[in-house]
């Protein structure tokens, strides 16, 4: 399987996990909203917010997965070598670093649903850092 196809498949898997986590996180946010979310929920119905996220999740995560697949192809040619249970150590460490850098601000901003954000980050690191390289092989 080519790396781009593997990345896109990983992106679709991430979209499914993202939608599941966001749906559960919304229950907590609707039950006890912060002032910012209270304003958002007065303007937009929570069901509409979730439906919009569902509609956007698959295309966005699919594109992210395709980009990750391209980066894996480049990384595999430029810095081959396995490690940490992955076919390409440099790629996996890069994915872990980017995932942490992107997740930390969301954890700090969304403390009420930090566990959900952490789940999405861990799933993303696992899917893109380990599964995509194995699927691409």
C-alpha atoms as a PDB file:
ATOM      1  CA  UNK A   1       0.000   0.000   0.000  1.00  0.00           C
ATOM      2  CA  UNK A   2       1.398   3.410  -0.848  1.00  0.00           C
ATOM      3  CA  UNK A   3       2.126   5.801   1.977  1.00  0.00           C
ATOM      4  CA  UNK A   4      -0.422   8.367   0.780  1.00  0.00           C
ATOM      5  CA  UNK A   5      -3.195   5.766   0.700  1.00  0.00           C
ATOM      6  CA  UNK A   6      -2.109   4.497   4.116  1.00  0.00           C
ATOM      7  CA  UNK A   7      -2.105   8.055   5.444  1.00  0.00           C
ATOM      8  CA  UNK A   8      -5.555   8.742   4.042  1.00  0.00           C
ATOM      9  CA  UNK A   9      -6.880   5.514   5.572  1.00  0.00           C
ATOM     10  CA  UNK A  10      -5.321   6.577   8.877  1.00  0.00           C
ATOM     11  CA  UNK A  11      -6.981   9.966   8.473  1.00  0.00           C
ATOM     12  CA  UNK A  12     -10.388   8.338   8.042  1.00  0.00           C
ATOM     13  CA  UNK A  13      -9.769   6.224  11.142  1.00  0.00           C
ATOM     14  CA  UNK A  14      -8.834   9.399  13.031  1.00  0.00           C
ATOM     15  CA  UNK A  15     -12.014  11.102  11.800  1.00  0.00           C
ATOM     16  CA  UNK A  16     -14.085   8.293  13.309  1.00  0.00           C
ATOM     17  CA  UNK A  17     -12.231   8.509  16.626  1.00  0.00           C
ATOM     18  CA  UNK A  18     -12.434  12.323  16.573  1.00  0.00           C
ATOM     19  CA  UNK A  19     -16.202  12.296  16.003  1.00  0.00           C
ATOM     20  CA  UNK A  20     -16.712   9.820  18.847  1.00  0.00           C
ATOM     21  CA  UNK A  21     -14.594  11.835  21.262  1.00  0.00           C
ATOM     22  CA  UNK A  22     -16.105  15.198  20.273  1.00  0.00           C
ATOM     23  CA  UNK A  23     -19.628  13.855  20.719  1.00  0.00           C
ATOM     24  CA  UNK A  24     -18.850  12.704  24.246  1.00  0.00           C
ATOM     25  CA  UNK A  25     -16.970  15.930  25.035  1.00  0.00           C
ATOM     26  CA  UNK A  26     -19.991  17.980  23.944  1.00  0.00           C
ATOM     27  CA  UNK A  27     -22.132  16.372  26.672  1.00  0.00           C
ATOM     28  CA  UNK A  28     -19.768  17.739  29.307  1.00  0.00           C
ATOM     29  CA  UNK A  29     -19.573  21.156  27.665  1.00  0.00           C
ATOM     30  CA  UNK A  30     -23.359  21.468  27.317  1.00  0.00           C
ATOM     31  CA  UNK A  31     -24.041  20.226  30.842  1.00  0.00           C
ATOM     32  CA  UNK A  32     -21.777  22.803  32.509  1.00  0.00           C
ATOM     33  CA  UNK A  33     -20.698  25.401  29.901  1.00  0.00           C
ATOM     34  CA  UNK A  34     -18.051  28.016  30.518  1.00  0.00           C
ATOM     35  CA  UNK A  35     -19.059  31.620  29.692  1.00  0.00           C
ATOM     36  CA  UNK A  36     -17.461  31.331  26.259  1.00  0.00           C
ATOM     37  CA  UNK A  37     -19.265  28.110  25.423  1.00  0.00           C
ATOM     38  CA  UNK A  38     -22.509  29.465  26.872  1.00  0.00           C
ATOM     39  CA  UNK A  39     -22.320  32.292  24.320  1.00  0.00           C
ATOM     40  CA  UNK A  40     -21.566  29.830  21.509  1.00  0.00           C
ATOM     41  CA  UNK A  41     -24.435  27.535  22.534  1.00  0.00           C
ATOM     42  CA  UNK A  42     -26.848  30.490  22.681  1.00  0.00           C
ATOM     43  CA  UNK A  43     -25.967  31.311  19.095  1.00  0.00           C
ATOM     44  CA  UNK A  44     -25.620  27.774  17.712  1.00  0.00           C
ATOM     45  CA  UNK A  45     -27.433  24.641  18.828  1.00  0.00           C
ATOM     46  CA  UNK A  46     -25.061  21.928  20.156  1.00  0.00           C
ATOM     47  CA  UNK A  47     -26.505  19.431  17.679  1.00  0.00           C
ATOM     48  CA  UNK A  48     -25.652  21.780  14.830  1.00  0.00           C
ATOM     49  CA  UNK A  49     -22.109  22.185  16.131  1.00  0.00           C
ATOM     50  CA  UNK A  50     -21.627  18.412  16.285  1.00  0.00           C
ATOM     51  CA  UNK A  51     -23.176  17.933  12.849  1.00  0.00           C
ATOM     52  CA  UNK A  52     -20.850  20.566  11.388  1.00  0.00           C
ATOM     53  CA  UNK A  53     -17.849  18.869  12.972  1.00  0.00           C
ATOM     54  CA  UNK A  54     -18.965  15.514  11.573  1.00  0.00           C
ATOM     55  CA  UNK A  55     -19.328  17.016   8.082  1.00  0.00           C
ATOM     56  CA  UNK A  56     -15.845  18.549   8.257  1.00  0.00           C
ATOM     57  CA  UNK A  57     -14.027  15.737  10.068  1.00  0.00           C
ATOM     58  CA  UNK A  58     -13.613  13.244   7.228  1.00  0.00           C
ATOM     59  CA  UNK A  59     -12.305  15.664   4.580  1.00  0.00           C
ATOM     60  CA  UNK A  60      -9.986  17.455   7.014  1.00  0.00           C
ATOM     61  CA  UNK A  61      -8.572  14.292   8.619  1.00  0.00           C
ATOM     62  CA  UNK A  62      -8.293  12.647   5.191  1.00  0.00           C
ATOM     63  CA  UNK A  63      -6.193  15.576   3.922  1.00  0.00           C
ATOM     64  CA  UNK A  64      -4.079  15.497   7.083  1.00  0.00           C
ATOM     65  CA  UNK A  65      -3.558  11.761   6.559  1.00  0.00           C
ATOM     66  CA  UNK A  66      -2.508  12.255   2.922  1.00  0.00           C
ATOM     67  CA  UNK A  67      -0.006  14.923   3.996  1.00  0.00           C
ATOM     68  CA  UNK A  68       1.339  12.581   6.696  1.00  0.00           C
ATOM     69  CA  UNK A  69       1.695   9.852   4.055  1.00  0.00           C
ATOM     70  CA  UNK A  70       3.717  12.173   1.823  1.00  0.00           C
ATOM     71  CA  UNK A  71       5.896  13.181   4.774  1.00  0.00           C
ATOM     72  CA  UNK A  72       6.421   9.515   5.613  1.00  0.00           C
ATOM     73  CA  UNK A  73       7.590   8.815   2.054  1.00  0.00           C
ATOM     74  CA  UNK A  74      10.086  11.678   2.280  1.00  0.00           C
ATOM     75  CA  UNK A  75      11.216  10.659   5.764  1.00  0.00           C
ATOM     76  CA  UNK A  76      11.664   7.031   4.756  1.00  0.00           C
ATOM     77  CA  UNK A  77      13.981   8.039   1.908  1.00  0.00           C
ATOM     78  CA  UNK A  78      15.929  10.702   3.815  1.00  0.00           C
ATOM     79  CA  UNK A  79      16.301   9.083   7.264  1.00  0.00           C
ATOM     80  CA  UNK A  80      15.628   5.344   7.166  1.00  0.00           C
ATOM     81  CA  UNK A  81      15.938   3.333  10.343  1.00  0.00           C
ATOM     82  CA  UNK A  82      13.522   1.725  12.732  1.00  0.00           C
ATOM     83  CA  UNK A  83      13.021   2.384  16.419  1.00  0.00           C
ATOM     84  CA  UNK A  84      10.358   2.718  19.117  1.00  0.00           C
ATOM     85  CA  UNK A  85       8.417  -0.076  17.449  1.00  0.00           C
ATOM     86  CA  UNK A  86       8.114   1.872  14.219  1.00  0.00           C
ATOM     87  CA  UNK A  87       9.676   1.280  10.804  1.00  0.00           C
ATOM     88  CA  UNK A  88      11.002   4.879  10.865  1.00  0.00           C
ATOM     89  CA  UNK A  89      12.238   6.370  14.150  1.00  0.00           C
ATOM     90  CA  UNK A  90      12.693   9.942  12.880  1.00  0.00           C
ATOM     91  CA  UNK A  91       9.161  10.053  11.478  1.00  0.00           C
ATOM     92  CA  UNK A  92       7.599   8.673  14.668  1.00  0.00           C
ATOM     93  CA  UNK A  93       9.463  11.124  16.905  1.00  0.00           C
ATOM     94  CA  UNK A  94       8.446  13.980  14.605  1.00  0.00           C
ATOM     95  CA  UNK A  95       4.780  12.942  14.767  1.00  0.00           C
ATOM     96  CA  UNK A  96       4.971  12.680  18.570  1.00  0.00           C
ATOM     97  CA  UNK A  97       6.548  16.139  18.860  1.00  0.00           C
ATOM     98  CA  UNK A  98       3.980  17.773  16.580  1.00  0.00           C
ATOM     99  CA  UNK A  99       1.118  16.031  18.388  1.00  0.00           C
ATOM    100  CA  UNK A 100       2.302  17.281  21.776  1.00  0.00           C
ATOM    101  CA  UNK A 101       2.825  20.816  20.463  1.00  0.00           C
ATOM    102  CA  UNK A 102      -0.684  20.895  19.024  1.00  0.00           C
ATOM    103  CA  UNK A 103      -2.443  19.230  21.967  1.00  0.00           C
ATOM    104  CA  UNK A 104      -1.017  21.274  24.844  1.00  0.00           C
ATOM    105  CA  UNK A 105      -2.767  24.559  23.937  1.00  0.00           C
ATOM    106  CA  UNK A 106      -6.104  22.755  23.556  1.00  0.00           C
ATOM    107  CA  UNK A 107      -5.659  20.989  26.898  1.00  0.00           C
ATOM    108  CA  UNK A 108      -4.977  24.356  28.539  1.00  0.00           C
ATOM    109  CA  UNK A 109      -7.923  26.055  26.822  1.00  0.00           C
ATOM    110  CA  UNK A 110     -10.388  23.212  27.269  1.00  0.00           C
ATOM    111  CA  UNK A 111      -9.563  22.025  30.786  1.00  0.00           C
ATOM    112  CA  UNK A 112     -13.111  20.758  31.294  1.00  0.00           C
ATOM    113  CA  UNK A 113     -12.643  18.177  28.533  1.00  0.00           C
ATOM    114  CA  UNK A 114      -8.875  17.703  28.788  1.00  0.00           C
ATOM    115  CA  UNK A 115      -9.267  13.920  28.895  1.00  0.00           C
ATOM    116  CA  UNK A 116     -11.026  13.981  25.530  1.00  0.00           C
ATOM    117  CA  UNK A 117      -8.335  16.183  24.022  1.00  0.00           C
ATOM    118  CA  UNK A 118      -5.673  13.840  25.407  1.00  0.00           C
ATOM    119  CA  UNK A 119      -7.503  10.853  23.883  1.00  0.00           C
ATOM    120  CA  UNK A 120      -7.592  12.523  20.466  1.00  0.00           C
ATOM    121  CA  UNK A 121      -3.883  13.399  20.760  1.00  0.00           C
ATOM    122  CA  UNK A 122      -2.880   9.870  21.801  1.00  0.00           C
ATOM    123  CA  UNK A 123      -4.997   8.336  19.060  1.00  0.00           C
ATOM    124  CA  UNK A 124      -3.464  10.703  16.510  1.00  0.00           C
ATOM    125  CA  UNK A 125       0.058   9.861  17.631  1.00  0.00           C
ATOM    126  CA  UNK A 126      -0.715   6.157  17.498  1.00  0.00           C
ATOM    127  CA  UNK A 127      -2.439   6.189  14.129  1.00  0.00           C
ATOM    128  CA  UNK A 128      -0.073   8.539  12.326  1.00  0.00           C
ATOM    129  CA  UNK A 129       3.143   7.677  14.202  1.00  0.00           C
ATOM    130  CA  UNK A 130       2.881   3.890  14.186  1.00  0.00           C
ATOM    131  CA  UNK A 131      -0.002   2.550  12.087  1.00  0.00           C
ATOM    132  CA  UNK A 132       0.613   4.608   8.941  1.00  0.00           C
ATOM    133  CA  UNK A 133       4.271   3.489   8.646  1.00  0.00           C
ATOM    134  CA  UNK A 134       3.228  -0.161   9.038  1.00  0.00           C
ATOM    135  CA  UNK A 135       0.374   0.211   6.543  1.00  0.00           C
ATOM    136  CA  UNK A 136       2.740   1.904   4.095  1.00  0.00           C
ATOM    137  CA  UNK A 137       5.244  -0.971   4.209  1.00  0.00           C
END
